[in-house]
Amino acid sequence: MKRFEPNLLLAVTTGCALLLVVLTTVIYGPPVALLRNPLLAIICAGGFVLLNPMMLRMMKIAPRPPLIHADSRGTAAWATAFPMLVIAAAAVPVFWPGPDYGILVLIASVWFGATVESALKANRHAG
């Protein structure tokens, strides 16, 4: 392996940030979050990866390129916003404990799904 694929690294870092969001919402949220938030993260991220290509075809939207690609140098800088915003979302339950933050898990899961989809697209184009 000559170099790491940037889209794969983006998916891994966003996945770690999603794990942090799930942990903070479980620790600092209501007891119902213990089981629901991890399941919500898995179902939403997996659903996005599996169902988004079908939705794009049904809506006749042209396939998008991976989030980070060599044609545009600025894409790498903009793509770093995904894990940074997810990490920022993980800090919210720490500073304001108590409420149910399931929506944070949902949003972070969809963003993680977008990075996984991007890594899969980059892998298809490379090989």
N, C-alpha and C. Protein backbone atom coordinates (compact mmCIF):
# COMPACT_ATOMS: atom_id res chain seq x y z
N MET A 1 0.84 -1.16 0.00
CA MET A 1 0.00 0.00 0.00
C MET A 1 0.90 1.23 0.00
N LYS A 2 0.84 1.98 -1.09
CA LYS A 2 1.70 3.14 -1.24
C LYS A 2 1.27 4.30 -0.35
N ARG A 3 -0.02 4.56 -0.32
CA ARG A 3 -0.52 5.66 0.49
C ARG A 3 -1.95 5.35 0.93
N PHE A 4 -2.37 6.05 1.95
CA PHE A 4 -3.73 5.85 2.44
C PHE A 4 -4.72 6.59 1.57
N GLU A 5 -5.87 6.01 1.37
CA GLU A 5 -6.94 6.64 0.59
C GLU A 5 -7.59 7.69 1.48
N PRO A 6 -7.62 8.96 1.06
CA PRO A 6 -8.15 10.02 1.93
C PRO A 6 -9.63 9.85 2.27
N ASN A 7 -10.43 9.30 1.37
CA ASN A 7 -11.84 9.09 1.67
C ASN A 7 -12.03 8.02 2.74
N LEU A 8 -11.17 7.02 2.73
CA LEU A 8 -11.23 5.98 3.77
C LEU A 8 -10.83 6.57 5.12
N LEU A 9 -9.79 7.39 5.13
CA LEU A 9 -9.38 8.04 6.37
C LEU A 9 -10.47 8.96 6.90
N LEU A 10 -11.16 9.66 6.00
CA LEU A 10 -12.27 10.51 6.40
C LEU A 10 -13.38 9.69 7.04
N ALA A 11 -13.70 8.54 6.46
CA ALA A 11 -14.74 7.67 7.02
C ALA A 11 -14.33 7.13 8.38
N VAL A 12 -13.07 6.77 8.54
CA VAL A 12 -12.60 6.23 9.82
C VAL A 12 -12.65 7.31 10.91
N THR A 13 -12.19 8.52 10.59
CA THR A 13 -12.20 9.59 11.60
C THR A 13 -13.63 10.01 11.95
N THR A 14 -14.51 10.05 10.96
CA THR A 14 -15.90 10.39 11.24
C THR A 14 -16.57 9.27 12.04
N GLY A 15 -16.20 8.03 11.76
CA GLY A 15 -16.73 6.90 12.54
C GLY A 15 -16.29 6.96 14.00
N CYS A 16 -15.04 7.33 14.24
CA CYS A 16 -14.56 7.49 15.62
C CYS A 16 -15.30 8.63 16.31
N ALA A 17 -15.53 9.71 15.58
CA ALA A 17 -16.28 10.83 16.14
C ALA A 17 -17.73 10.42 16.43
N LEU A 18 -18.33 9.61 15.56
CA LEU A 18 -19.69 9.10 15.80
C LEU A 18 -19.73 8.24 17.05
N LEU A 19 -18.72 7.42 17.23
CA LEU A 19 -18.64 6.61 18.44
C LEU A 19 -18.59 7.50 19.68
N LEU A 20 -17.85 8.60 19.59
CA LEU A 20 -17.78 9.55 20.70
C LEU A 20 -19.15 10.20 20.97
N VAL A 21 -19.88 10.52 19.90
CA VAL A 21 -21.23 11.09 20.06
C VAL A 21 -22.14 10.08 20.77
N VAL A 22 -22.09 8.85 20.33
CA VAL A 22 -22.94 7.82 20.94
C VAL A 22 -22.58 7.65 22.42
N LEU A 23 -21.29 7.61 22.71
CA LEU A 23 -20.88 7.44 24.11
C LEU A 23 -21.32 8.60 24.99
N THR A 24 -21.13 9.82 24.52
CA THR A 24 -21.51 10.96 25.35
C THR A 24 -23.03 11.07 25.51
N THR A 25 -23.78 10.72 24.47
CA THR A 25 -25.24 10.78 24.62
C THR A 25 -25.76 9.68 25.54
N VAL A 26 -25.07 8.55 25.57
CA VAL A 26 -25.47 7.47 26.47
C VAL A 26 -25.10 7.81 27.92
N ILE A 27 -23.91 8.35 28.11
CA ILE A 27 -23.43 8.64 29.47
C ILE A 27 -24.17 9.83 30.08
N TYR A 28 -24.35 10.90 29.30
CA TYR A 28 -24.92 12.13 29.83
C TYR A 28 -26.41 12.32 29.50
N GLY A 29 -27.00 11.35 28.86
CA GLY A 29 -28.41 11.46 28.49
C GLY A 29 -29.29 10.63 29.39
N PRO A 30 -30.56 10.51 29.03
CA PRO A 30 -31.50 9.71 29.83
C PRO A 30 -31.21 8.22 29.71
N PRO A 31 -31.73 7.41 30.64
CA PRO A 31 -31.47 5.97 30.61
C PRO A 31 -31.94 5.27 29.33
N VAL A 32 -32.97 5.80 28.69
CA VAL A 32 -33.48 5.16 27.47
C VAL A 32 -32.44 5.20 26.34
N ALA A 33 -31.48 6.10 26.44
CA ALA A 33 -30.47 6.25 25.39
C ALA A 33 -29.47 5.11 25.37
N LEU A 34 -29.40 4.35 26.44
CA LEU A 34 -28.41 3.27 26.54
C LEU A 34 -28.52 2.26 25.41
N LEU A 35 -29.71 1.87 25.07
CA LEU A 35 -29.91 0.91 23.99
C LEU A 35 -30.28 1.59 22.68
N ARG A 36 -31.08 2.64 22.78
CA ARG A 36 -31.62 3.27 21.56
C ARG A 36 -30.55 3.98 20.73
N ASN A 37 -29.66 4.75 21.34
CA ASN A 37 -28.72 5.54 20.55
C ASN A 37 -27.71 4.70 19.77
N PRO A 38 -27.13 3.63 20.34
CA PRO A 38 -26.26 2.79 19.51
C PRO A 38 -27.02 2.14 18.34
N LEU A 39 -28.24 1.68 18.60
CA LEU A 39 -29.03 1.10 17.51
C LEU A 39 -29.39 2.15 16.46
N LEU A 40 -29.71 3.35 16.91
CA LEU A 40 -30.02 4.44 16.00
C LEU A 40 -28.84 4.75 15.10
N ALA A 41 -27.64 4.77 15.66
CA ALA A 41 -26.44 5.05 14.88
C ALA A 41 -26.20 3.98 13.82
N ILE A 42 -26.35 2.73 14.19
CA ILE A 42 -26.11 1.63 13.25
C ILE A 42 -27.16 1.62 12.15
N ILE A 43 -28.42 1.75 12.53
CA ILE A 43 -29.50 1.69 11.55
C ILE A 43 -29.46 2.88 10.60
N CYS A 44 -29.22 4.08 11.12
CA CYS A 44 -29.23 5.27 10.27
C CYS A 44 -28.03 5.29 9.32
N ALA A 45 -26.85 4.99 9.82
CA ALA A 45 -25.67 4.98 8.96
C ALA A 45 -25.78 3.88 7.90
N GLY A 46 -26.17 2.70 8.33
CA GLY A 46 -26.33 1.60 7.37
C GLY A 46 -27.44 1.86 6.37
N GLY A 47 -28.54 2.41 6.85
CA GLY A 47 -29.64 2.75 5.95
C GLY A 47 -29.25 3.79 4.92
N PHE A 48 -28.46 4.78 5.34
CA PHE A 48 -28.02 5.80 4.39
C PHE A 48 -27.15 5.18 3.31
N VAL A 49 -26.20 4.35 3.71
CA VAL A 49 -25.28 3.75 2.75
C VAL A 49 -26.04 2.83 1.78
N LEU A 50 -27.00 2.08 2.28
CA LEU A 50 -27.73 1.14 1.43
C LEU A 50 -28.82 1.79 0.59
N LEU A 51 -29.52 2.77 1.15
CA LEU A 51 -30.69 3.31 0.47
C LEU A 51 -30.42 4.57 -0.35
N ASN A 52 -29.36 5.31 -0.05
CA ASN A 52 -29.10 6.56 -0.78
C ASN A 52 -28.86 6.32 -2.29
N PRO A 53 -28.08 5.32 -2.70
CA PRO A 53 -27.92 5.11 -4.15
C PRO A 53 -29.25 4.81 -4.85
N MET A 54 -30.12 4.06 -4.19
CA MET A 54 -31.42 3.76 -4.79
C MET A 54 -32.27 5.02 -4.90
N MET A 55 -32.23 5.86 -3.87
CA MET A 55 -33.00 7.11 -3.91
C MET A 55 -32.49 8.04 -5.01
N LEU A 56 -31.18 8.11 -5.17
CA LEU A 56 -30.62 8.96 -6.23
C LEU A 56 -31.06 8.48 -7.61
N ARG A 57 -31.08 7.16 -7.80
CA ARG A 57 -31.54 6.61 -9.09
C ARG A 57 -33.02 6.87 -9.30
N MET A 58 -33.82 6.71 -8.25
CA MET A 58 -35.26 6.93 -8.38
C MET A 58 -35.56 8.40 -8.69
N MET A 59 -34.78 9.30 -8.12
CA MET A 59 -35.01 10.73 -8.33
C MET A 59 -34.27 11.25 -9.56
N LYS A 60 -33.57 10.34 -10.25
CA LYS A 60 -32.82 10.68 -11.47
C LYS A 60 -31.80 11.79 -11.24
N ILE A 61 -31.09 11.68 -10.13
CA ILE A 61 -30.01 12.61 -9.80
C ILE A 61 -28.70 11.95 -10.20
N ALA A 62 -27.86 12.70 -10.88
CA ALA A 62 -26.57 12.16 -11.34
C ALA A 62 -25.71 11.78 -10.13
N PRO A 63 -24.98 10.69 -10.25
CA PRO A 63 -24.11 10.29 -9.14
C PRO A 63 -23.04 11.35 -8.87
N ARG A 64 -22.80 11.58 -7.60
CA ARG A 64 -21.79 12.55 -7.20
C ARG A 64 -20.44 11.85 -7.08
N PRO A 65 -19.35 12.60 -7.27
CA PRO A 65 -18.02 12.00 -7.06
C PRO A 65 -17.76 11.84 -5.56
N PRO A 66 -16.69 11.15 -5.19
CA PRO A 66 -16.34 11.04 -3.78
C PRO A 66 -16.11 12.43 -3.16
N LEU A 67 -16.21 12.52 -1.85
CA LEU A 67 -16.07 13.80 -1.16
C LEU A 67 -14.69 14.41 -1.40
N ILE A 68 -13.65 13.58 -1.39
CA ILE A 68 -12.29 14.06 -1.64
C ILE A 68 -11.83 13.46 -2.96
N HIS A 69 -11.51 14.32 -3.92
CA HIS A 69 -11.00 13.82 -5.19
C HIS A 69 -9.90 14.74 -5.69
N ALA A 70 -9.06 14.22 -6.55
CA ALA A 70 -7.85 14.92 -7.00
C ALA A 70 -8.16 16.10 -7.92
N ASP A 71 -9.32 16.12 -8.54
CA ASP A 71 -9.64 17.20 -9.47
C ASP A 71 -9.79 18.54 -8.77
N SER A 72 -10.17 18.53 -7.53
CA SER A 72 -10.38 19.77 -6.78
C SER A 72 -9.63 19.69 -5.45
N ARG A 73 -8.66 20.54 -5.30
CA ARG A 73 -7.81 20.49 -4.10
C ARG A 73 -8.56 20.93 -2.84
N GLY A 74 -9.55 21.76 -2.97
CA GLY A 74 -10.28 22.27 -1.82
C GLY A 74 -11.19 21.26 -1.16
N THR A 75 -11.44 20.14 -1.82
CA THR A 75 -12.37 19.16 -1.25
C THR A 75 -11.83 18.55 0.03
N ALA A 76 -10.54 18.36 0.13
CA ALA A 76 -9.96 17.78 1.35
C ALA A 76 -10.17 18.72 2.54
N ALA A 77 -9.98 20.01 2.30
CA ALA A 77 -10.17 20.97 3.39
C ALA A 77 -11.63 21.02 3.83
N TRP A 78 -12.55 21.01 2.87
CA TRP A 78 -13.97 21.05 3.22
C TRP A 78 -14.42 19.76 3.87
N ALA A 79 -13.83 18.64 3.47
CA ALA A 79 -14.24 17.34 4.03
C ALA A 79 -13.85 17.21 5.50
N THR A 80 -12.85 17.96 5.94
CA THR A 80 -12.48 17.88 7.36
C THR A 80 -13.58 18.43 8.26
N ALA A 81 -14.53 19.15 7.69
CA ALA A 81 -15.64 19.67 8.48
C ALA A 81 -16.50 18.54 9.04
N PHE A 82 -16.58 17.41 8.35
CA PHE A 82 -17.41 16.30 8.82
C PHE A 82 -16.98 15.82 10.20
N PRO A 83 -15.73 15.35 10.38
CA PRO A 83 -15.38 14.88 11.74
C PRO A 83 -15.33 16.01 12.77
N MET A 84 -14.96 17.22 12.36
CA MET A 84 -14.91 18.33 13.33
C MET A 84 -16.30 18.65 13.87
N LEU A 85 -17.29 18.70 13.00
CA LEU A 85 -18.65 19.01 13.44
C LEU A 85 -19.24 17.87 14.28
N VAL A 86 -18.90 16.65 13.94
CA VAL A 86 -19.39 15.50 14.72
C VAL A 86 -18.75 15.51 16.11
N ILE A 87 -17.47 15.86 16.20
CA ILE A 87 -16.81 15.96 17.50
C ILE A 87 -17.43 17.10 18.31
N ALA A 88 -17.74 18.20 17.66
CA ALA A 88 -18.40 19.31 18.35
C ALA A 88 -19.77 18.87 18.88
N ALA A 89 -20.48 18.06 18.09
CA ALA A 89 -21.77 17.54 18.54
C ALA A 89 -21.60 16.62 19.75
N ALA A 90 -20.47 15.92 19.83
CA ALA A 90 -20.22 15.04 20.97
C ALA A 90 -20.00 15.83 22.26
N ALA A 91 -19.59 17.08 22.13
CA ALA A 91 -19.34 17.89 23.32
C ALA A 91 -20.63 18.45 23.92
N VAL A 92 -21.67 18.54 23.14
CA VAL A 92 -22.92 19.15 23.61
C VAL A 92 -23.48 18.43 24.85
N PRO A 93 -23.62 17.10 24.86
CA PRO A 93 -24.17 16.46 26.06
C PRO A 93 -23.29 16.60 27.30
N VAL A 94 -21.99 16.81 27.10
CA VAL A 94 -21.09 16.96 28.24
C VAL A 94 -21.38 18.27 28.96
N PHE A 95 -21.62 19.34 28.20
CA PHE A 95 -21.84 20.65 28.80
C PHE A 95 -23.30 20.88 29.20
N TRP A 96 -24.24 20.21 28.56
CA TRP A 96 -25.67 20.32 28.89
C TRP A 96 -26.26 18.93 29.08
N PRO A 97 -25.90 18.25 30.18
CA PRO A 97 -26.39 16.88 30.38
C PRO A 97 -27.88 16.85 30.72
N GLY A 98 -28.46 15.70 30.43
CA GLY A 98 -29.85 15.49 30.82
C GLY A 98 -30.82 15.27 29.67
N PRO A 99 -30.93 16.22 28.72
CA PRO A 99 -31.92 16.03 27.65
C PRO A 99 -31.57 14.84 26.75
N ASP A 100 -32.55 14.46 25.99
CA ASP A 100 -32.37 13.38 25.02
C ASP A 100 -31.74 13.96 23.76
N TYR A 101 -30.56 13.48 23.41
CA TYR A 101 -29.83 13.97 22.24
C TYR A 101 -29.83 12.96 21.10
N GLY A 102 -30.92 12.29 20.91
CA GLY A 102 -31.03 11.33 19.81
C GLY A 102 -30.86 11.98 18.44
N ILE A 103 -31.28 13.24 18.31
CA ILE A 103 -31.14 13.93 17.02
C ILE A 103 -29.68 14.13 16.67
N LEU A 104 -28.81 14.33 17.68
CA LEU A 104 -27.38 14.45 17.40
C LEU A 104 -26.83 13.14 16.85
N VAL A 105 -27.28 12.04 17.41
CA VAL A 105 -26.84 10.73 16.93
C VAL A 105 -27.33 10.52 15.49
N LEU A 106 -28.55 10.91 15.23
CA LEU A 106 -29.11 10.76 13.88
C LEU A 106 -28.32 11.57 12.86
N ILE A 107 -28.04 12.83 13.15
CA ILE A 107 -27.30 13.69 12.23
C ILE A 107 -25.88 13.16 12.03
N ALA A 108 -25.22 12.81 13.12
CA ALA A 108 -23.85 12.29 13.01
C ALA A 108 -23.82 10.98 12.23
N SER A 109 -24.84 10.16 12.37
CA SER A 109 -24.90 8.90 11.64
C SER A 109 -25.05 9.12 10.14
N VAL A 110 -25.86 10.09 9.76
CA VAL A 110 -26.03 10.38 8.34
C VAL A 110 -24.74 10.94 7.75
N TRP A 111 -24.06 11.80 8.51
CA TRP A 111 -22.77 12.32 8.02
C TRP A 111 -21.74 11.21 7.91
N PHE A 112 -21.73 10.29 8.86
CA PHE A 112 -20.84 9.14 8.77
C PHE A 112 -21.20 8.28 7.56
N GLY A 113 -22.50 8.08 7.34
CA GLY A 113 -22.93 7.33 6.16
C GLY A 113 -22.46 7.97 4.86
N ALA A 114 -22.48 9.29 4.82
CA ALA A 114 -22.00 10.00 3.62
C ALA A 114 -20.51 9.77 3.40
N THR A 115 -19.73 9.73 4.48
CA THR A 115 -18.30 9.49 4.31
C THR A 115 -18.01 8.03 3.93
N VAL A 116 -18.79 7.11 4.45
CA VAL A 116 -18.63 5.70 4.06
C VAL A 116 -18.99 5.53 2.59
N GLU A 117 -20.08 6.15 2.16
CA GLU A 117 -20.47 6.10 0.76
C GLU A 117 -19.37 6.68 -0.13
N SER A 118 -18.76 7.76 0.30
CA SER A 118 -17.67 8.39 -0.44
C SER A 118 -16.47 7.45 -0.53
N ALA A 119 -16.14 6.78 0.56
CA ALA A 119 -15.02 5.84 0.55
C ALA A 119 -15.30 4.67 -0.39
N LEU A 120 -16.54 4.19 -0.41
CA LEU A 120 -16.90 3.11 -1.33
C LEU A 120 -16.81 3.56 -2.78
N LYS A 121 -17.25 4.78 -3.07
CA LYS A 121 -17.15 5.31 -4.43
C LYS A 121 -15.70 5.46 -4.85
N ALA A 122 -14.86 5.95 -3.97
CA ALA A 122 -13.44 6.13 -4.29
C ALA A 122 -12.78 4.78 -4.52
N ASN A 123 -13.18 3.76 -3.76
CA ASN A 123 -12.63 2.44 -3.93
C ASN A 123 -13.04 1.83 -5.28
N ARG A 124 -14.28 2.08 -5.69
CA ARG A 124 -14.75 1.58 -7.00
C ARG A 124 -14.00 2.27 -8.15
N HIS A 125 -13.75 3.56 -8.01
CA HIS A 125 -13.06 4.30 -9.06
C HIS A 125 -11.58 3.95 -9.14
N ALA A 126 -10.96 3.60 -7.99
CA ALA A 126 -9.54 3.29 -7.97
C ALA A 126 -9.27 1.89 -8.51
N GLY A 127 -10.17 0.98 -8.24
CA GLY A 127 -9.89 -0.40 -8.62
C GLY A 127 -10.77 -0.85 -9.67
